[in-house]
Amino acid sequence: MFRRREPVPFAFIAEADKFRSNVTPPPRERASAGQIAGRTLIGLTVVAGLVGSLLFGVPALSADQSPAHTQQSEASDSR
């Protein structure tokens, strides 16, 4: 009823661990002062844009303020 399966030779997968390289990659280059300054300026620009959008957007979203002067047409006053 049940047939015995033959083992599949996956020995090549086990042998792959033996051939790992012992060569370390070269160290990463350090960023220059100009690159660091540029990244800092970009970060500050993004943060300033977000803060500015909040400063302009929050008052526009508040519903507490009512208009100081409502317009009425003069035609409705004469009736």
N, C-alpha and C. Protein backbone atom coordinates (compact mmCIF):
# COMPACT_ATOMS: atom_id res chain seq x y z
N MET A 1 0.82 -1.18 0.00
CA MET A 1 0.00 0.00 0.00
C MET A 1 0.87 1.25 0.00
N PHE A 2 1.76 1.39 1.00
CA PHE A 2 2.67 2.53 1.01
C PHE A 2 4.01 2.10 0.45
N ARG A 3 4.48 2.85 -0.53
CA ARG A 3 5.79 2.53 -1.10
C ARG A 3 6.86 3.34 -0.39
N ARG A 4 7.96 2.72 -0.22
CA ARG A 4 9.07 3.40 0.42
C ARG A 4 9.73 4.32 -0.61
N ARG A 5 9.91 5.59 -0.21
CA ARG A 5 10.50 6.54 -1.16
C ARG A 5 12.01 6.47 -1.08
N GLU A 6 12.63 6.72 -2.19
CA GLU A 6 14.08 6.73 -2.23
C GLU A 6 14.58 8.08 -1.73
N PRO A 7 15.67 8.09 -0.99
CA PRO A 7 16.19 9.37 -0.51
C PRO A 7 16.72 10.21 -1.67
N VAL A 8 16.44 11.47 -1.60
CA VAL A 8 16.90 12.40 -2.63
C VAL A 8 18.26 12.92 -2.19
N PRO A 9 19.23 12.89 -3.05
CA PRO A 9 20.58 13.32 -2.65
C PRO A 9 20.71 14.84 -2.57
N PHE A 10 20.52 15.38 -1.38
CA PHE A 10 20.69 16.81 -1.17
C PHE A 10 22.01 17.11 -0.47
N ALA A 11 22.98 16.27 -0.72
CA ALA A 11 24.28 16.45 -0.07
C ALA A 11 24.96 17.74 -0.54
N PHE A 12 24.66 18.17 -1.76
CA PHE A 12 25.31 19.38 -2.27
C PHE A 12 24.87 20.60 -1.46
N ILE A 13 23.68 20.58 -0.88
CA ILE A 13 23.24 21.70 -0.04
C ILE A 13 24.02 21.72 1.27
N ALA A 14 24.24 20.56 1.84
CA ALA A 14 25.00 20.48 3.07
C ALA A 14 26.46 20.86 2.85
N GLU A 15 26.98 20.56 1.67
CA GLU A 15 28.36 20.89 1.38
C GLU A 15 28.56 22.37 1.09
N ALA A 16 27.50 23.10 0.82
CA ALA A 16 27.63 24.51 0.49
C ALA A 16 28.17 25.30 1.68
N ASP A 17 27.91 24.84 2.91
CA ASP A 17 28.43 25.55 4.07
C ASP A 17 29.94 25.46 4.16
N LYS A 18 30.53 24.45 3.59
CA LYS A 18 31.97 24.29 3.66
C LYS A 18 32.70 25.31 2.82
N PHE A 19 32.06 25.85 1.80
CA PHE A 19 32.73 26.72 0.85
C PHE A 19 32.44 28.20 1.11
N ARG A 20 32.16 28.55 2.33
CA ARG A 20 31.96 29.97 2.63
C ARG A 20 33.29 30.69 2.53
N SER A 21 33.21 31.90 2.06
CA SER A 21 34.43 32.67 1.85
C SER A 21 34.92 33.24 3.17
N ASN A 22 36.22 33.26 3.36
CA ASN A 22 36.79 33.86 4.55
C ASN A 22 37.32 35.26 4.26
N VAL A 23 36.97 35.82 3.10
CA VAL A 23 37.41 37.16 2.73
C VAL A 23 36.38 38.15 3.25
N THR A 24 36.83 39.11 4.02
CA THR A 24 35.91 40.12 4.54
C THR A 24 35.77 41.24 3.51
N PRO A 25 34.58 41.80 3.40
CA PRO A 25 34.39 42.89 2.45
C PRO A 25 35.14 44.13 2.93
N PRO A 26 35.48 45.03 2.02
CA PRO A 26 36.20 46.24 2.43
C PRO A 26 35.31 47.11 3.31
N PRO A 27 35.89 47.88 4.20
CA PRO A 27 35.08 48.74 5.07
C PRO A 27 34.37 49.81 4.26
N ARG A 28 33.21 50.24 4.78
CA ARG A 28 32.45 51.27 4.08
C ARG A 28 33.19 52.60 4.13
N GLU A 29 33.03 53.35 3.06
CA GLU A 29 33.67 54.67 3.03
C GLU A 29 32.91 55.61 3.95
N ARG A 30 33.66 56.42 4.66
CA ARG A 30 33.03 57.40 5.55
C ARG A 30 32.48 58.55 4.73
N ALA A 31 31.37 59.07 5.17
CA ALA A 31 30.77 60.20 4.46
C ALA A 31 31.62 61.45 4.68
N SER A 32 31.74 62.25 3.64
CA SER A 32 32.52 63.48 3.76
C SER A 32 31.70 64.52 4.51
N ALA A 33 32.35 65.61 4.87
CA ALA A 33 31.66 66.67 5.61
C ALA A 33 30.55 67.29 4.76
N GLY A 34 30.80 67.39 3.46
CA GLY A 34 29.77 67.95 2.57
C GLY A 34 28.54 67.06 2.49
N GLN A 35 28.76 65.75 2.46
CA GLN A 35 27.63 64.82 2.42
C GLN A 35 26.83 64.88 3.72
N ILE A 36 27.52 64.95 4.84
CA ILE A 36 26.83 65.04 6.13
C ILE A 36 26.03 66.35 6.20
N ALA A 37 26.64 67.45 5.75
CA ALA A 37 25.94 68.74 5.78
C ALA A 37 24.73 68.71 4.85
N GLY A 38 24.87 68.09 3.69
CA GLY A 38 23.74 68.00 2.76
C GLY A 38 22.60 67.18 3.32
N ARG A 39 22.93 66.05 3.94
CA ARG A 39 21.88 65.22 4.54
C ARG A 39 21.18 65.95 5.68
N THR A 40 21.97 66.71 6.45
CA THR A 40 21.39 67.48 7.56
C THR A 40 20.44 68.56 7.03
N LEU A 41 20.87 69.24 5.98
CA LEU A 41 20.01 70.30 5.41
C LEU A 41 18.73 69.72 4.82
N ILE A 42 18.83 68.58 4.19
CA ILE A 42 17.62 67.95 3.63
C ILE A 42 16.68 67.54 4.76
N GLY A 43 17.23 66.98 5.83
CA GLY A 43 16.40 66.60 6.97
C GLY A 43 15.73 67.79 7.61
N LEU A 44 16.48 68.88 7.79
CA LEU A 44 15.90 70.09 8.38
C LEU A 44 14.82 70.69 7.47
N THR A 45 15.03 70.61 6.16
CA THR A 45 14.02 71.14 5.23
C THR A 45 12.73 70.33 5.32
N VAL A 46 12.84 69.03 5.41
CA VAL A 46 11.65 68.19 5.53
C VAL A 46 10.92 68.47 6.84
N VAL A 47 11.67 68.56 7.93
CA VAL A 47 11.04 68.84 9.24
C VAL A 47 10.40 70.22 9.23
N ALA A 48 11.06 71.21 8.66
CA ALA A 48 10.49 72.56 8.60
C ALA A 48 9.22 72.58 7.75
N GLY A 49 9.19 71.80 6.69
CA GLY A 49 7.97 71.73 5.88
C GLY A 49 6.81 71.11 6.64
N LEU A 50 7.10 70.07 7.40
CA LEU A 50 6.03 69.45 8.19
C LEU A 50 5.53 70.39 9.28
N VAL A 51 6.44 71.07 9.95
CA VAL A 51 6.04 72.01 11.01
C VAL A 51 5.25 73.17 10.40
N GLY A 52 5.70 73.66 9.27
CA GLY A 52 4.98 74.76 8.61
C GLY A 52 3.58 74.34 8.17
N SER A 53 3.45 73.14 7.67
CA SER A 53 2.12 72.69 7.26
C SER A 53 1.20 72.53 8.46
N LEU A 54 1.75 72.12 9.59
CA LEU A 54 0.93 72.05 10.80
C LEU A 54 0.52 73.44 11.28
N LEU A 55 1.46 74.39 11.22
CA LEU A 55 1.13 75.75 11.68
C LEU A 55 0.03 76.39 10.83
N PHE A 56 0.06 76.13 9.53
CA PHE A 56 -0.98 76.69 8.67
C PHE A 56 -2.24 75.84 8.64
N GLY A 57 -2.12 74.57 8.85
CA GLY A 57 -3.27 73.68 8.71
C GLY A 57 -4.14 73.59 9.94
N VAL A 58 -3.56 73.65 11.13
CA VAL A 58 -4.35 73.49 12.36
C VAL A 58 -5.38 74.61 12.53
N PRO A 59 -5.02 75.87 12.33
CA PRO A 59 -6.06 76.91 12.46
C PRO A 59 -7.17 76.77 11.43
N ALA A 60 -6.85 76.29 10.26
CA ALA A 60 -7.88 76.13 9.23
C ALA A 60 -8.84 74.99 9.56
N LEU A 61 -8.40 74.03 10.36
CA LEU A 61 -9.25 72.89 10.70
C LEU A 61 -10.09 73.13 11.94
N SER A 62 -9.77 74.16 12.71
CA SER A 62 -10.52 74.38 13.95
C SER A 62 -11.91 74.92 13.61
N ALA A 63 -12.92 74.37 14.27
CA ALA A 63 -14.31 74.76 14.00
C ALA A 63 -14.84 75.72 15.05
N ASP A 64 -14.03 76.14 15.99
CA ASP A 64 -14.49 77.01 17.07
C ASP A 64 -14.71 78.44 16.61
N GLN A 65 -13.99 78.88 15.62
CA GLN A 65 -14.09 80.27 15.20
C GLN A 65 -15.32 80.48 14.34
N SER A 66 -16.06 81.51 14.68
CA SER A 66 -17.21 81.88 13.86
C SER A 66 -16.82 83.14 13.08
N PRO A 67 -17.39 83.33 11.92
CA PRO A 67 -17.03 84.52 11.15
C PRO A 67 -17.46 85.79 11.90
N ALA A 68 -16.60 86.79 11.87
CA ALA A 68 -16.86 88.03 12.61
C ALA A 68 -18.00 88.82 11.96
N HIS A 69 -18.12 88.77 10.70
CA HIS A 69 -19.13 89.56 10.01
C HIS A 69 -19.81 88.67 8.98
N THR A 70 -21.11 88.55 9.10
CA THR A 70 -21.85 87.78 8.10
C THR A 70 -22.45 88.74 7.09
N GLN A 71 -22.38 88.37 5.86
CA GLN A 71 -22.91 89.24 4.81
C GLN A 71 -24.41 89.04 4.68
N GLN A 72 -25.09 90.13 4.56
CA GLN A 72 -26.52 90.08 4.27
C GLN A 72 -26.76 91.01 3.09
N SER A 73 -27.64 90.60 2.27
CA SER A 73 -27.93 91.45 1.12
C SER A 73 -28.84 92.60 1.54
N GLU A 74 -28.72 93.71 0.85
CA GLU A 74 -29.55 94.87 1.17
C GLU A 74 -31.00 94.63 0.76
N ALA A 75 -31.21 93.72 -0.14
CA ALA A 75 -32.58 93.45 -0.58
C ALA A 75 -33.38 92.83 0.54
N SER A 76 -32.77 92.04 1.40
CA SER A 76 -33.52 91.45 2.49
C SER A 76 -33.81 92.44 3.59
N ASP A 77 -33.06 93.56 3.67
CA ASP A 77 -33.33 94.59 4.71
C ASP A 77 -34.53 95.45 4.36
N SER A 78 -34.80 95.65 3.10
CA SER A 78 -35.86 96.58 2.71
C SER A 78 -37.24 95.96 2.83
N ARG A 79 -37.37 94.72 3.04
CA ARG A 79 -38.69 94.11 3.10
C ARG A 79 -39.34 94.30 4.41
